[in-house]
N, C-alpha and C. Protein backbone atom coordinates (compact mmCIF):
# COMPACT_ATOMS: atom_id res chain seq x y z
N MET A 1 77.41 67.41 155.00
CA MET A 1 76.67 68.45 154.34
C MET A 1 75.32 68.67 155.00
N PHE A 2 74.68 67.60 155.51
CA PHE A 2 73.36 67.70 156.17
C PHE A 2 73.53 67.39 157.65
N THR A 3 72.72 68.06 158.46
CA THR A 3 72.77 67.76 159.91
C THR A 3 72.15 66.39 160.17
N THR A 4 72.40 65.86 161.37
CA THR A 4 71.90 64.51 161.71
C THR A 4 70.40 64.46 161.78
N THR A 5 69.73 65.57 161.95
CA THR A 5 68.27 65.61 162.01
C THR A 5 67.61 65.96 160.66
N SER A 6 68.43 66.17 159.61
CA SER A 6 67.91 66.44 158.30
C SER A 6 67.19 65.27 157.71
N ARG A 7 66.17 65.48 156.91
CA ARG A 7 65.48 64.39 156.23
C ARG A 7 66.38 63.68 155.21
N TYR A 8 67.52 64.30 154.89
CA TYR A 8 68.48 63.72 153.95
C TYR A 8 69.68 63.09 154.59
N ALA A 9 69.73 63.07 155.92
CA ALA A 9 70.90 62.57 156.61
C ALA A 9 71.23 61.11 156.30
N ASN A 10 70.25 60.28 156.12
CA ASN A 10 70.49 58.84 155.88
C ASN A 10 70.27 58.47 154.42
N VAL A 11 70.18 59.44 153.53
CA VAL A 11 70.01 59.16 152.12
C VAL A 11 71.39 58.99 151.47
N ALA A 12 71.53 57.95 150.67
CA ALA A 12 72.86 57.65 150.06
C ALA A 12 73.24 58.72 149.05
N ASP A 13 74.56 58.86 148.88
CA ASP A 13 75.11 59.74 147.90
C ASP A 13 75.34 58.98 146.59
N ALA A 14 75.40 59.70 145.50
CA ALA A 14 75.72 59.13 144.19
C ALA A 14 76.52 60.15 143.43
N THR A 15 77.14 59.72 142.36
CA THR A 15 77.97 60.63 141.55
C THR A 15 77.58 60.50 140.09
N TYR A 16 77.47 61.67 139.43
CA TYR A 16 77.18 61.68 137.99
C TYR A 16 78.41 62.31 137.31
N GLN A 17 78.77 61.71 136.17
CA GLN A 17 79.87 62.29 135.43
C GLN A 17 79.33 62.93 134.14
N ASN A 18 79.53 64.26 134.06
CA ASN A 18 79.13 65.03 132.87
C ASN A 18 79.90 64.57 131.64
N PRO A 19 79.38 64.82 130.44
CA PRO A 19 80.11 64.45 129.22
C PRO A 19 81.52 65.07 129.16
N ASN A 20 81.73 66.22 129.83
CA ASN A 20 83.04 66.83 129.81
C ASN A 20 83.98 66.28 130.89
N GLY A 21 83.49 65.23 131.62
CA GLY A 21 84.33 64.57 132.61
C GLY A 21 84.20 65.06 134.03
N THR A 22 83.49 66.17 134.22
CA THR A 22 83.32 66.71 135.55
C THR A 22 82.35 65.80 136.35
N GLN A 23 82.73 65.51 137.60
CA GLN A 23 81.83 64.69 138.43
C GLN A 23 81.05 65.56 139.39
N VAL A 24 79.79 65.17 139.54
CA VAL A 24 78.86 65.94 140.40
C VAL A 24 78.28 64.97 141.42
N SER A 25 78.40 65.29 142.69
CA SER A 25 77.83 64.44 143.73
C SER A 25 76.41 64.92 144.03
N TYR A 26 75.53 63.95 144.32
CA TYR A 26 74.16 64.30 144.64
C TYR A 26 73.58 63.23 145.56
N LYS A 27 72.41 63.51 146.13
CA LYS A 27 71.65 62.55 146.93
C LYS A 27 70.69 61.83 146.03
N ILE A 28 70.54 60.52 146.26
CA ILE A 28 69.53 59.78 145.50
C ILE A 28 68.15 60.13 146.00
N LEU A 29 67.15 59.74 145.28
CA LEU A 29 65.74 60.03 145.61
C LEU A 29 65.42 59.53 147.02
N ARG A 30 64.87 60.37 147.85
CA ARG A 30 64.51 59.97 149.21
C ARG A 30 63.13 59.36 149.20
N ARG A 31 63.06 58.19 149.75
CA ARG A 31 61.76 57.49 149.92
C ARG A 31 61.13 57.98 151.21
N ILE A 32 59.82 58.20 151.15
CA ILE A 32 59.13 58.60 152.37
C ILE A 32 58.88 57.36 153.18
N PRO A 33 59.44 57.31 154.37
CA PRO A 33 59.27 56.13 155.20
C PRO A 33 57.89 56.06 155.83
N SER A 34 57.39 54.87 156.05
CA SER A 34 56.12 54.78 156.77
C SER A 34 56.44 54.83 158.25
N ALA A 35 55.69 55.63 158.96
CA ALA A 35 55.90 55.78 160.39
C ALA A 35 54.53 55.73 161.09
N PRO A 36 54.45 55.00 162.16
CA PRO A 36 53.18 54.91 162.88
C PRO A 36 52.81 56.32 163.46
N ALA A 37 51.55 56.65 163.32
CA ALA A 37 51.06 57.93 163.90
C ALA A 37 50.91 57.69 165.39
N ILE A 38 51.32 58.70 166.16
CA ILE A 38 51.16 58.59 167.61
C ILE A 38 49.91 59.31 168.10
N LEU A 39 49.46 60.26 167.28
CA LEU A 39 48.22 60.95 167.58
C LEU A 39 47.77 61.76 166.38
N ALA A 40 46.55 62.27 166.49
CA ALA A 40 45.98 63.09 165.44
C ALA A 40 45.85 64.51 165.93
N HIS A 41 46.00 65.46 165.02
CA HIS A 41 45.91 66.87 165.37
C HIS A 41 44.95 67.50 164.38
N THR A 42 43.94 68.20 164.88
CA THR A 42 42.99 68.88 164.03
C THR A 42 43.55 70.26 163.72
N VAL A 43 43.68 70.61 162.42
CA VAL A 43 44.28 71.86 162.02
C VAL A 43 43.31 73.00 162.32
N VAL A 44 43.83 74.07 162.92
CA VAL A 44 43.07 75.29 163.22
C VAL A 44 43.78 76.44 162.49
N GLN A 45 43.10 77.56 162.41
CA GLN A 45 43.57 78.65 161.59
C GLN A 45 45.01 79.13 161.93
N GLN A 46 45.35 79.19 163.19
CA GLN A 46 46.68 79.75 163.55
C GLN A 46 47.81 78.70 163.46
N ASP A 47 47.52 77.46 163.06
CA ASP A 47 48.56 76.44 163.01
C ASP A 47 49.61 76.77 161.92
N ARG A 48 50.83 76.46 162.27
CA ARG A 48 51.97 76.50 161.31
C ARG A 48 52.79 75.25 161.53
N LEU A 49 53.35 74.75 160.50
CA LEU A 49 54.08 73.47 160.63
C LEU A 49 55.28 73.58 161.56
N ASP A 50 55.99 74.73 161.52
CA ASP A 50 57.16 74.86 162.43
C ASP A 50 56.70 74.86 163.89
N LEU A 51 55.55 75.48 164.17
CA LEU A 51 55.09 75.50 165.55
C LEU A 51 54.57 74.16 165.99
N LEU A 52 53.93 73.44 165.09
CA LEU A 52 53.48 72.07 165.40
C LEU A 52 54.67 71.14 165.62
N ALA A 53 55.67 71.24 164.79
CA ALA A 53 56.91 70.45 164.98
C ALA A 53 57.58 70.74 166.28
N ASN A 54 57.61 71.99 166.64
CA ASN A 54 58.20 72.37 167.93
C ASN A 54 57.39 71.78 169.09
N THR A 55 56.08 71.80 168.98
CA THR A 55 55.20 71.29 170.02
C THR A 55 55.41 69.78 170.16
N TYR A 56 55.39 69.03 169.06
CA TYR A 56 55.43 67.60 169.12
C TYR A 56 56.85 66.97 169.15
N TYR A 57 57.82 67.69 168.59
CA TYR A 57 59.16 67.11 168.50
C TYR A 57 60.23 67.94 169.23
N GLY A 58 59.86 69.16 169.68
CA GLY A 58 60.81 69.98 170.37
C GLY A 58 61.78 70.67 169.42
N ASP A 59 61.49 70.67 168.13
CA ASP A 59 62.41 71.23 167.14
C ASP A 59 61.58 71.68 165.93
N PRO A 60 61.48 73.01 165.68
CA PRO A 60 60.68 73.49 164.55
C PRO A 60 61.17 73.02 163.18
N GLN A 61 62.45 72.63 163.06
CA GLN A 61 62.96 72.22 161.79
C GLN A 61 62.56 70.78 161.44
N GLN A 62 61.86 70.11 162.35
CA GLN A 62 61.40 68.75 162.08
C GLN A 62 60.02 68.74 161.44
N PHE A 63 59.57 69.89 160.90
CA PHE A 63 58.25 69.98 160.27
C PHE A 63 58.05 68.91 159.15
N TRP A 64 59.14 68.54 158.54
CA TRP A 64 59.06 67.58 157.42
C TRP A 64 58.58 66.23 157.89
N ARG A 65 58.73 65.91 159.17
CA ARG A 65 58.21 64.63 159.71
C ARG A 65 56.68 64.60 159.60
N ILE A 66 56.05 65.71 159.86
CA ILE A 66 54.60 65.80 159.79
C ILE A 66 54.18 65.66 158.32
N CYS A 67 54.91 66.29 157.44
CA CYS A 67 54.62 66.16 155.97
C CYS A 67 54.78 64.70 155.56
N ASP A 68 55.84 64.06 155.98
CA ASP A 68 56.03 62.66 155.60
C ASP A 68 54.90 61.77 156.15
N GLY A 69 54.51 61.99 157.39
CA GLY A 69 53.42 61.20 158.02
C GLY A 69 52.09 61.34 157.34
N ASN A 70 51.98 62.46 156.59
CA ASN A 70 50.70 62.68 155.90
C ASN A 70 50.87 62.59 154.39
N LEU A 71 51.97 62.02 153.95
CA LEU A 71 52.30 61.83 152.51
C LEU A 71 52.13 63.12 151.71
N ALA A 72 52.61 64.23 152.25
CA ALA A 72 52.51 65.51 151.59
C ALA A 72 53.83 65.90 150.97
N MET A 73 53.83 66.25 149.70
CA MET A 73 55.04 66.68 149.04
C MET A 73 55.35 68.16 149.36
N ARG A 74 54.28 68.92 149.61
CA ARG A 74 54.46 70.37 149.91
C ARG A 74 53.90 70.66 151.26
N PRO A 75 54.55 71.47 152.06
CA PRO A 75 54.07 71.79 153.42
C PRO A 75 52.64 72.38 153.42
N ASP A 76 52.29 73.17 152.42
CA ASP A 76 50.96 73.80 152.40
C ASP A 76 49.83 72.78 152.24
N ASP A 77 50.17 71.58 151.75
CA ASP A 77 49.15 70.58 151.53
C ASP A 77 48.57 70.01 152.82
N VAL A 78 49.24 70.18 153.91
CA VAL A 78 48.78 69.55 155.17
C VAL A 78 48.02 70.54 156.07
N LEU A 79 48.09 71.80 155.79
CA LEU A 79 47.47 72.79 156.67
C LEU A 79 46.11 73.25 156.18
N VAL A 80 45.22 72.30 155.97
CA VAL A 80 43.82 72.60 155.61
C VAL A 80 43.00 72.66 156.88
N ILE A 81 42.43 73.83 157.18
CA ILE A 81 41.67 74.00 158.41
C ILE A 81 40.58 72.95 158.52
N GLY A 82 40.57 72.33 159.70
CA GLY A 82 39.59 71.30 159.98
C GLY A 82 40.04 69.90 159.65
N SER A 83 41.11 69.76 158.91
CA SER A 83 41.62 68.41 158.55
C SER A 83 42.36 67.80 159.73
N GLN A 84 42.50 66.49 159.69
CA GLN A 84 43.24 65.75 160.73
C GLN A 84 44.64 65.44 160.23
N LEU A 85 45.64 65.88 160.97
CA LEU A 85 47.01 65.52 160.66
C LEU A 85 47.40 64.33 161.55
N GLU A 86 48.14 63.41 160.92
CA GLU A 86 48.76 62.33 161.68
C GLU A 86 50.13 62.77 162.13
N ILE A 87 50.39 62.70 163.42
CA ILE A 87 51.71 63.10 163.94
C ILE A 87 52.49 61.79 164.20
N PRO A 88 53.50 61.50 163.33
CA PRO A 88 54.23 60.25 163.41
C PRO A 88 55.23 60.24 164.56
N LEU A 89 55.51 59.01 164.97
CA LEU A 89 56.54 58.77 165.97
C LEU A 89 57.90 58.99 165.32
N VAL A 90 58.83 59.61 166.05
CA VAL A 90 60.17 59.81 165.49
C VAL A 90 60.91 58.48 165.51
N GLN A 91 61.40 58.09 164.38
CA GLN A 91 62.18 56.84 164.26
C GLN A 91 63.67 57.18 164.30
N ARG A 92 64.36 56.57 165.19
CA ARG A 92 65.80 56.91 165.34
C ARG A 92 66.64 55.76 164.82
């Protein structure tokens, strides 16, 4: 269901059974892993997470790694002009 580069690729599946007997599969809560920062990036006005992810990881869909590295639940929380973003190392 998820690609190998998805943030949910390694999250375990679980099943819930409704009172009517129907079973529903879902992913358990994803823990944000700690990852060492490889460098810091100062946010400027034209920054976008997809562009930063493409610059640092070669894949714009890896923006979530930057969010994880900065303990941000929402992407908008990390793009504060002048703030320092930690760019984490990709753990494989």
